[in-house]
Protein backbone atom coordinates (compact mmCIF):
# COMPACT_ATOMS: atom_id res chain seq x y z
CA MET A 1 10.64 10.76 1.93
CA PHE A 2 14.12 9.34 1.33
CA ASP A 3 14.71 11.05 -2.02
CA ALA A 4 17.53 13.37 -0.89
CA LEU A 5 19.29 10.65 1.10
CA SER A 6 18.81 8.17 -1.73
CA ASP A 7 20.33 10.52 -4.33
CA ARG A 8 23.32 11.28 -2.11
CA LEU A 9 24.05 7.65 -1.27
CA GLN A 10 23.69 6.48 -4.87
CA ALA A 11 26.05 9.20 -6.09
CA THR A 12 28.59 8.41 -3.39
CA LEU A 13 28.55 4.66 -3.98
CA GLY A 14 28.63 5.15 -7.74
CA ASP A 15 31.90 7.07 -7.39
CA LEU A 16 33.64 3.93 -6.14
CA GLY A 17 33.61 2.77 -9.75
CA ARG A 18 34.35 -0.69 -10.99
CA ALA A 19 37.61 -1.39 -9.16
CA THR A 20 38.34 -5.04 -8.47
CA ARG A 21 39.52 -4.36 -4.92
CA LEU A 22 38.63 -1.92 -2.16
CA GLU A 23 41.30 0.65 -1.35
CA GLU A 24 41.17 2.08 2.18
CA ALA A 25 41.46 5.66 0.92
CA ALA A 26 38.47 5.19 -1.42
CA VAL A 27 36.43 3.60 1.37
CA ASP A 28 37.31 6.49 3.72
CA ARG A 29 36.13 9.03 1.15
CA ALA A 30 32.88 7.13 0.65
CA MET A 31 32.31 6.83 4.41
CA ARG A 32 32.77 10.60 4.87
CA GLU A 33 30.09 11.25 2.27
CA ILE A 34 27.76 8.63 3.75
CA ARG A 35 28.26 10.17 7.22
CA LEU A 36 27.30 13.61 5.89
CA ALA A 37 24.32 12.20 3.99
CA LEU A 38 22.96 10.47 7.09
CA LEU A 39 23.49 13.51 9.33
CA GLU A 40 21.73 15.73 6.78
CA ALA A 41 18.87 13.22 6.82
CA ASP A 42 18.53 13.95 10.56
CA VAL A 43 19.70 10.49 11.64
CA ASN A 44 20.83 10.32 15.27
CA PHE A 45 24.59 11.04 15.48
CA ARG A 46 25.24 7.92 17.59
CA VAL A 47 23.51 5.79 14.98
CA VAL A 48 25.52 7.44 12.19
CA LYS A 49 28.81 6.80 14.01
CA ASP A 50 28.07 3.11 14.57
CA PHE A 51 26.70 2.67 11.04
CA VAL A 52 29.73 4.16 9.27
CA ALA A 53 32.18 2.25 11.49
CA GLY A 54 30.34 -0.99 10.79
CA VAL A 55 30.27 -0.52 7.00
CA LYS A 56 33.95 0.42 6.94
CA ALA A 57 34.93 -2.62 9.00
CA ASP A 58 32.90 -4.88 6.72
CA ALA A 59 34.31 -3.29 3.57
CA LEU A 60 37.95 -3.61 4.58
CA GLY A 61 37.57 -6.94 6.31
CA ASP A 62 35.86 -8.92 3.55
CA ASP A 63 37.08 -10.19 0.22
CA ILE A 64 35.18 -9.05 -2.84
CA LEU A 65 32.36 -11.50 -3.49
CA LYS A 66 32.58 -13.37 -6.75
CA GLY A 67 30.76 -11.54 -9.53
CA LEU A 68 30.88 -8.13 -7.82
CA ASN A 69 33.21 -5.19 -8.28
CA ALA A 70 34.34 -2.96 -5.41
CA GLY A 71 31.50 -0.46 -5.82
CA GLN A 72 28.87 -3.21 -5.91
CA GLN A 73 30.41 -4.80 -2.84
CA VAL A 74 30.05 -1.61 -0.81
CA VAL A 75 26.47 -1.14 -2.08
CA LYS A 76 25.67 -4.63 -0.77
CA LEU A 77 27.29 -3.87 2.58
CA VAL A 78 25.44 -0.56 2.93
CA HIS A 79 22.16 -2.26 1.96
CA ASP A 80 22.61 -4.98 4.58
CA ARG A 81 23.55 -2.45 7.27
CA LEU A 82 20.56 -0.22 6.39
CA ALA A 83 18.21 -3.18 6.65
CA GLU A 84 19.76 -4.16 9.99
CA LEU A 85 19.48 -0.56 11.19
CA MET A 86 15.73 -0.55 10.52
CA GLY A 87 15.06 -3.99 11.99
CA SER A 88 16.64 -6.75 9.86
CA ALA A 89 13.35 -8.63 9.39
CA ASP A 90 9.64 -7.90 9.24
CA SER A 91 8.08 -7.54 12.67
CA HIS A 92 4.51 -8.77 12.88
CA LEU A 93 1.80 -8.18 15.46
CA ALA A 94 1.29 -10.83 18.12
CA PHE A 95 -2.10 -12.58 18.22
CA GLY A 96 -3.31 -14.69 21.10
CA ARG A 97 -6.58 -15.85 22.56
CA PRO A 98 -9.31 -13.54 21.21
CA PRO A 99 -9.86 -10.74 21.52
CA THR A 100 -6.31 -9.54 20.92
CA VAL A 101 -5.99 -6.01 22.32
CA ILE A 102 -3.83 -3.42 20.54
CA LEU A 103 -3.15 -0.19 22.46
CA MET A 104 -2.40 2.84 20.29
CA THR A 105 -0.24 5.51 21.93
CA GLY A 106 1.45 8.73 20.82
CA LEU A 107 1.39 12.51 21.01
CA GLN A 108 -1.38 14.71 19.65
CA GLY A 109 -0.94 15.43 15.95
CA SER A 110 0.94 12.21 15.19
CA GLY A 111 -2.06 10.75 13.34
CA LYS A 112 -2.95 8.22 16.03
CA THR A 113 -6.73 8.17 15.53
CA THR A 114 -6.52 7.89 11.74
CA THR A 115 -3.83 5.23 12.07
CA SER A 116 -6.12 3.23 14.39
CA ALA A 117 -8.74 3.13 11.63
CA LYS A 118 -6.13 2.27 8.99
CA LEU A 119 -4.86 -0.60 11.13
CA ALA A 120 -8.41 -1.89 11.61
CA LEU A 121 -8.97 -1.91 7.84
CA HIS A 122 -5.61 -3.62 7.28
CA LEU A 123 -6.44 -6.35 9.80
CA ARG A 124 -9.89 -6.94 8.33
CA ARG A 125 -8.25 -7.54 4.97
CA GLN A 126 -6.10 -10.14 6.72
CA GLY A 127 -9.25 -12.01 7.73
CA LYS A 128 -9.61 -10.57 11.25
CA LEU A 129 -12.76 -9.15 12.88
CA PRO A 130 -11.53 -5.83 14.35
CA GLY A 131 -13.28 -3.19 16.39
CA LEU A 132 -12.25 0.28 17.58
CA VAL A 133 -12.56 1.57 21.15
CA ALA A 134 -12.63 5.34 21.70
CA ALA A 135 -10.60 6.14 24.82
CA ASP A 136 -9.19 9.52 23.78
CA LEU A 137 -11.13 11.84 26.06
CA GLN A 138 -8.63 14.71 25.89
CA ARG A 139 -8.84 15.95 22.32
CA PRO A 140 -12.15 17.58 21.35
CA ALA A 141 -14.01 15.61 18.68
CA ALA A 142 -11.54 12.71 18.79
CA ILE A 143 -14.38 10.26 19.44
CA ASP A 144 -16.52 11.78 16.68
CA GLN A 145 -13.58 11.50 14.29
CA LEU A 146 -13.08 7.82 15.14
CA GLU A 147 -16.78 7.13 14.63
CA GLN A 148 -16.73 8.81 11.21
CA LEU A 149 -13.68 6.81 10.19
CA GLY A 150 -15.34 3.62 11.42
CA LYS A 151 -18.41 4.33 9.28
CA GLN A 152 -16.24 4.85 6.20
CA ILE A 153 -14.73 1.38 6.51
CA SER A 154 -17.74 -0.35 8.15
CA ILE A 155 -15.91 -1.22 11.37
CA PRO A 156 -17.68 -0.88 14.74
CA VAL A 157 -16.59 1.87 17.11
CA TYR A 158 -17.34 1.59 20.82
CA ARG A 159 -17.75 4.80 22.80
CA THR A 160 -18.74 5.28 26.42
CA ASP A 161 -20.27 8.42 27.92
CA THR A 162 -17.69 8.98 30.64
CA GLU A 163 -14.78 11.20 31.59
CA ASP A 164 -12.71 8.23 32.78
CA PRO A 165 -10.50 6.80 29.98
CA VAL A 166 -10.03 3.53 31.88
CA ARG A 167 -13.77 2.97 32.07
CA ALA A 168 -14.13 3.89 28.37
CA ALA A 169 -11.46 1.35 27.42
CA VAL A 170 -12.75 -1.47 29.66
CA GLU A 171 -16.42 -1.10 28.72
CA GLY A 172 -15.55 -0.81 25.03
CA LEU A 173 -13.46 -3.96 25.25
CA GLU A 174 -16.27 -5.87 26.99
CA ARG A 175 -18.81 -4.85 24.34
CA ALA A 176 -16.43 -5.79 21.53
CA LYS A 177 -15.85 -9.18 23.19
CA ALA A 178 -19.62 -9.72 23.48
CA ASP A 179 -19.97 -8.98 19.77
CA GLY A 180 -17.50 -11.73 18.95
CA LEU A 181 -14.67 -9.55 17.64
CA ASP A 182 -11.19 -11.05 17.67
CA VAL A 183 -9.11 -7.83 17.59
CA VAL A 184 -9.79 -4.67 19.61
CA ILE A 185 -7.85 -1.48 18.86
CA VAL A 186 -7.91 1.06 21.69
CA ASP A 187 -7.31 4.69 20.66
CA THR A 188 -5.86 6.51 23.66
CA ALA A 189 -5.34 10.19 24.44
CA GLY A 190 -2.21 12.11 23.54
CA ARG A 191 -0.71 15.39 24.67
CA LEU A 192 1.21 18.11 22.91
CA ASN A 193 4.28 17.01 24.87
CA VAL A 194 5.34 14.02 26.93
CA ASP A 195 4.29 14.63 30.54
CA ASP A 196 3.54 12.68 33.73
CA ALA A 197 -0.25 13.01 33.36
CA LEU A 198 -0.14 11.40 29.91
CA MET A 199 2.09 8.55 31.02
CA ASP A 200 0.08 7.86 34.17
CA GLU A 201 -3.13 7.70 32.15
CA LEU A 202 -1.60 5.35 29.58
CA ALA A 203 -0.26 3.10 32.32
CA ARG A 204 -3.71 2.85 33.94
CA VAL A 205 -5.40 2.04 30.62
CA ARG A 206 -2.67 -0.50 29.80
CA ASP A 207 -3.07 -2.26 33.16
CA ALA A 208 -6.86 -2.37 32.74
CA VAL A 209 -7.10 -3.82 29.21
CA LYS A 210 -3.85 -5.85 29.20
CA PRO A 211 -2.90 -5.32 25.54
CA LEU A 212 -0.87 -7.94 23.68
CA ASN A 213 0.53 -5.18 21.44
CA ILE A 214 1.36 -1.58 22.36
CA LEU A 215 2.09 0.54 19.31
CA LEU A 216 3.65 4.00 19.37
CA VAL A 217 2.52 6.26 16.52
CA LEU A 218 5.28 8.66 15.46
CA ASP A 219 5.13 11.49 12.94
CA ALA A 220 8.07 10.96 10.57
CA MET A 221 7.99 14.66 9.70
CA THR A 222 9.29 15.55 13.18
CA GLY A 223 12.64 13.90 12.42
CA GLN A 224 15.00 13.57 15.36
CA GLU A 225 12.30 14.75 17.78
CA ALA A 226 10.35 11.58 16.95
CA VAL A 227 13.26 9.55 18.32
CA ASN A 228 13.29 11.63 21.53
CA VAL A 229 9.55 10.98 21.93
CA ALA A 230 10.12 7.25 21.37
CA GLU A 231 12.77 7.17 24.09
CA ALA A 232 10.43 8.87 26.55
CA PHE A 233 7.55 6.47 25.81
CA GLN A 234 9.84 3.45 25.97
CA GLU A 235 10.96 4.52 29.43
CA ARG A 236 7.43 4.80 30.83
CA VAL A 237 5.13 2.58 28.74
CA ALA A 238 7.42 -0.02 27.11
CA PHE A 239 5.78 -0.21 23.67
CA ASP A 240 6.28 -3.19 21.35
CA GLY A 241 6.63 -1.46 18.00
CA VAL A 242 6.32 1.76 16.03
CA VAL A 243 3.93 2.99 13.36
CA LEU A 244 5.49 5.78 11.29
CA THR A 245 3.01 8.23 9.77
CA LYS A 246 3.52 10.72 6.91
CA LEU A 247 6.21 8.57 5.32
CA ASP A 248 4.98 9.95 1.99
CA GLY A 249 5.97 13.49 3.00
CA ASP A 250 9.21 15.37 2.45
CA ALA A 251 10.79 14.48 5.80
CA ARG A 252 14.45 13.55 5.63
CA GLY A 253 14.15 10.02 6.99
CA GLY A 254 15.99 10.37 10.28
CA ALA A 255 13.20 8.88 12.38
CA ALA A 256 12.92 5.72 10.27
CA LEU A 257 16.66 5.17 10.35
CA SER A 258 17.15 5.93 14.06
CA VAL A 259 14.19 4.69 16.08
CA LYS A 260 15.02 0.96 16.03
CA ALA A 261 18.69 1.53 16.90
CA ILE A 262 17.86 3.90 19.77
CA THR A 263 14.86 2.11 21.35
CA GLY A 264 15.43 -1.48 20.24
CA LYS A 265 11.79 -1.60 19.09
CA PRO A 266 10.99 -2.30 15.42
CA ILE A 267 8.92 -0.29 12.97
CA LYS A 268 5.89 -2.48 12.31
CA PHE A 269 3.84 -0.31 9.94
CA ALA A 270 4.25 2.79 7.81
CA SER A 271 1.49 5.15 6.71
CA VAL A 272 2.22 6.16 3.12
CA GLY A 273 -0.74 8.41 2.33
CA GLU A 274 -3.90 10.03 3.67
CA LYS A 275 -6.35 7.37 2.43
CA LEU A 276 -7.44 4.73 4.90
CA ASP A 277 -6.03 1.90 2.79
CA GLN A 278 -2.56 3.45 2.70
CA LEU A 279 -0.98 1.59 5.59
CA GLU A 280 1.82 -0.87 4.77
CA VAL A 281 3.71 -3.49 6.72
CA PHE A 282 7.24 -2.12 7.13
CA HIS A 283 9.88 -4.31 5.47
CA PRO A 284 13.40 -3.09 6.41
CA ASP A 285 15.14 -4.92 3.55
CA ARG A 286 12.72 -3.52 0.98
CA MET A 287 13.11 0.01 2.35
CA ALA A 288 16.89 -0.35 2.18
CA SER A 289 16.56 -1.37 -1.47
CA ARG A 290 14.40 1.68 -2.22
CA ILE A 291 16.89 4.03 -0.55
CA LEU A 292 19.70 2.64 -2.69
CA GLY A 293 17.67 2.87 -5.92
CA MET A 294 17.23 -0.90 -6.28
CA GLY A 295 13.45 -0.70 -6.47
CA ASP A 296 10.99 -2.86 -4.57
CA VAL A 297 9.46 -5.43 -6.87
CA LEU A 298 7.85 -7.48 -4.06
CA THR A 299 5.85 -4.49 -2.82
CA LEU A 300 4.90 -3.66 -6.42
CA ILE A 301 3.58 -7.20 -6.93
CA GLU A 302 1.63 -7.05 -3.66
CA LYS A 303 0.05 -3.74 -4.65
CA ALA A 304 -0.91 -5.11 -8.07
CA GLU A 305 -2.40 -8.28 -6.58
CA ALA A 306 -4.44 -6.22 -4.12
CA ALA A 307 -5.72 -3.93 -6.89
CA VAL A 308 -6.93 -6.55 -9.36
CA ALA A 309 -9.07 -9.67 -8.99
CA ASP A 310 -7.60 -13.06 -9.89
CA ASP A 311 -9.84 -13.49 -12.96
CA ASP A 312 -9.02 -9.99 -14.23
CA GLN A 313 -5.33 -10.64 -13.60
CA ALA A 314 -5.38 -13.80 -15.72
CA GLU A 315 -7.27 -12.08 -18.56
CA MET A 316 -4.94 -9.06 -18.48
CA GLU A 317 -1.91 -11.34 -18.65
CA ARG A 318 -3.41 -13.24 -21.60
CA ARG A 319 -4.09 -10.04 -23.53
CA MET A 320 -0.64 -8.69 -22.70
CA ARG A 321 1.02 -11.79 -24.05
CA ALA A 322 -1.09 -11.52 -27.19
CA GLY A 323 -0.09 -7.86 -27.61
CA GLU A 324 -3.71 -6.68 -27.46
CA PHE A 325 -4.53 -3.24 -26.08
CA THR A 326 -7.88 -1.55 -26.62
CA PHE A 327 -9.19 1.47 -24.77
CA ASP A 328 -11.27 -0.89 -22.60
CA ASP A 329 -7.96 -2.43 -21.55
CA PHE A 330 -6.64 1.06 -20.86
CA LEU A 331 -9.58 1.86 -18.56
CA ALA A 332 -9.07 -1.38 -16.64
CA SER A 333 -5.32 -0.87 -16.27
CA TYR A 334 -5.68 2.82 -15.41
CA ARG A 335 -8.18 2.09 -12.64
CA MET A 336 -5.94 -0.67 -11.31
CA LEU A 337 -2.98 1.73 -11.31
CA ARG A 338 -5.00 4.37 -9.49
CA LYS A 339 -5.84 1.87 -6.74
CA MET A 340 -2.14 1.16 -6.31
CA GLY A 341 -1.31 4.78 -5.44
CA PRO A 342 0.43 7.79 -7.05
CA VAL A 343 2.03 6.86 -10.38
CA LYS A 344 5.45 8.29 -9.55
CA GLY A 345 5.55 6.29 -6.33
CA ILE A 346 4.65 3.11 -8.20
CA LEU A 347 7.29 3.68 -10.87
CA LYS A 348 9.96 4.17 -8.20
CA LEU A 349 9.37 0.59 -7.09
CA LEU A 350 10.81 -0.61 -10.41
CA PRO A 351 14.56 -1.31 -10.24
CA GLY A 352 16.62 1.37 -11.96
CA ILE A 353 13.65 3.67 -12.58
CA GLY A 354 14.05 5.96 -9.55
CA GLN A 355 16.96 8.03 -10.87
CA GLN A 356 15.36 8.28 -14.31
CA LEU A 357 12.42 10.10 -12.69
CA ASP A 358 14.63 12.92 -11.41
CA GLY A 359 13.48 16.17 -12.97
CA VAL A 360 10.31 14.57 -14.38
CA ASP A 361 6.82 15.77 -13.47
CA ILE A 362 4.05 13.17 -13.64
CA ASP A 363 0.77 15.01 -13.92
CA GLU A 364 -1.98 12.97 -12.24
CA ALA A 365 -4.58 15.43 -13.61
CA GLN A 366 -3.41 14.60 -17.12
CA MET A 367 -4.25 10.97 -16.50
CA ALA A 368 -7.76 12.00 -15.42
CA ARG A 369 -8.11 13.94 -18.70
CA VAL A 370 -7.05 10.84 -20.61
CA GLU A 371 -9.76 8.87 -18.80
CA ALA A 372 -12.32 11.51 -19.77
CA ILE A 373 -11.34 11.15 -23.45
CA VAL A 374 -11.74 7.38 -23.30
CA LEU A 375 -15.13 7.64 -21.58
CA SER A 376 -16.28 9.99 -24.36
CA MET A 377 -15.79 7.18 -26.88
CA THR A 378 -18.58 4.77 -27.75
CA PRO A 379 -18.15 1.13 -26.65
CA HIS A 380 -17.49 0.20 -30.28
CA GLU A 381 -14.78 2.89 -30.59
CA ARG A 382 -13.08 1.69 -27.40
CA ARG A 383 -13.00 -1.87 -28.71
CA SER A 384 -11.92 -0.88 -32.24
CA PRO A 385 -9.79 2.30 -32.04
CA LEU A 386 -8.84 2.14 -35.72
CA ILE A 387 -12.34 3.35 -36.75
CA ILE A 388 -11.85 6.70 -34.98
CA ASN A 389 -11.72 9.13 -37.92
CA GLY A 390 -11.74 12.94 -38.07
CA PRO A 391 -15.44 13.55 -37.23
CA ARG A 392 -15.30 11.02 -34.39
CA ARG A 393 -12.20 12.72 -32.99
CA ARG A 394 -13.97 16.11 -32.99
CA ARG A 395 -16.96 14.60 -31.17
CA ILE A 396 -14.74 12.85 -28.59
CA ALA A 397 -12.78 16.07 -27.95
CA ALA A 398 -15.98 18.07 -27.46
CA GLY A 399 -17.46 15.42 -25.16
CA SER A 400 -14.38 15.26 -22.95
CA GLY A 401 -13.65 18.99 -22.81
CA THR A 402 -10.29 18.51 -24.49
CA THR A 403 -8.81 19.30 -27.90
CA ILE A 404 -8.49 17.24 -31.07
CA ASP A 405 -4.73 17.37 -30.53
CA ASP A 406 -5.21 15.70 -27.13
CA VAL A 407 -7.27 12.95 -28.76
CA ASN A 408 -4.64 12.47 -31.48
CA LYS A 409 -1.88 12.17 -28.87
CA LEU A 410 -3.86 9.53 -27.00
CA LEU A 411 -4.46 7.49 -30.15
CA THR A 412 -0.73 7.60 -30.86
CA ALA A 413 0.03 6.62 -27.28
CA ARG A 414 -2.33 3.62 -27.58
CA LYS A 415 -0.25 2.28 -30.46
CA GLN A 416 2.88 2.70 -28.35
CA MET A 417 1.21 0.94 -25.43
CA GLN A 418 0.20 -1.94 -27.69
CA LYS A 419 3.82 -2.25 -28.78
CA MET A 420 4.90 -2.08 -25.13
CA MET A 421 2.46 -4.86 -24.21
CA LYS A 422 4.00 -7.11 -26.85
CA GLN A 423 7.45 -6.40 -25.44
CA MET A 424 6.29 -7.05 -21.86
CA GLY A 425 4.76 -10.31 -23.03
CA LYS A 426 8.27 -11.28 -24.14
CA GLY A 427 9.73 -10.39 -20.72
CA LYS A 428 10.99 -6.87 -21.53
CA MET A 429 10.30 -3.75 -19.44
CA PRO A 430 9.92 -0.58 -21.55
CA GLY A 431 8.81 2.81 -20.24
CA LEU A 432 5.32 4.32 -20.19
CA PRO A 433 4.44 6.79 -22.97
CA PRO A 434 4.44 10.37 -21.60
CA GLU A 435 1.03 10.99 -23.20
CA LEU A 436 -0.48 8.64 -20.61
CA THR A 437 1.31 9.95 -17.54
CA GLY A 438 1.60 13.62 -18.37
CA GLY A 439 5.33 13.22 -17.71
CA LYS A 440 7.59 15.94 -19.00
CA PRO A 441 11.10 17.05 -18.05
CA ARG A 442 11.33 20.16 -15.88
CA ARG A 443 12.95 23.12 -17.58
């Protein structure tokens, strides 16, 4: 989502060079470029004005920190201001005496119902016992959709045969309480636009169920309009935090960088994909690091830990340190990587890798073809790749629907991966072979 803004900011800050002191003229030039970059990213103009003024004041008012040059100093200042702009620190949900009620609000099309299910799954993984209450009686099939999502993740959904959203919310809450659930997520109705009927309905539901958390779901793809919607909801409903959806899309980032500054309410979660497990806690400092091309190692570690069991993690580390890499290891690591999300998105979390991916296509289908080749091998061949001779290669190619050349490339890539594992075991961080990712420069 932030690719264009990230490229522009990195280029601008890189132009400051390695000077040992900050010249006002150089800072002014950089601030003009940063102002343009933020405006092009659809950031609110008031936010841009305050942001640029703050960075400039910091840059000209501080001495260069020991160990940094002028360019690095400004990068640090911009990073800190970006993190502050988006909330400074992580903002968590409040939990009180069970059941904790979370009221989901937002316009139609923002992804509110799907986000409700994603949040329920996220909370269950945190050790909670969540349930979903269907109180969206405006959108056709909204209740059916919530029930289908609940079945997919094995979380109860409470529906009531009524045309009164307040009754639906109250009765659903009572049933969830009777079932011993400790978190109840109420999915409310939206409208195509903010209007009095919507706000009155939300206020009545809010007063009836007394939520400890009111979350506003905003579509990041709507840019500046998302901020206008947030202002309108804040005026009438007083929400506690924001969930940004479609953060994996090609929106310019204006909503994420403006909503906290305009409403004073933090972004609590971000939806980064269509799958129900693709909801992340929003960390402003980590997002600032990603925007400036610094990577996000903490999120990468969290994704890896969530994708692999402790025992598997220990065994994989042992084999890595020993420099061992069979095709069984490849299958395990590939499936772990697939659980973590799109490969290009994962690689961008590594410091310094983001800019290297410019102009590179990573073909996810190619990785599926590689898996097919490995699955066409016998267990003995996967454990002992060196025995794969000409006849075996022909059989593997035929069984996987690929060519002998594809098999040969994979065997070569395995040797490179084995070498890479040895280097990683020594604390180095080489790149992935293109044969495994399907990566190739655009022409």
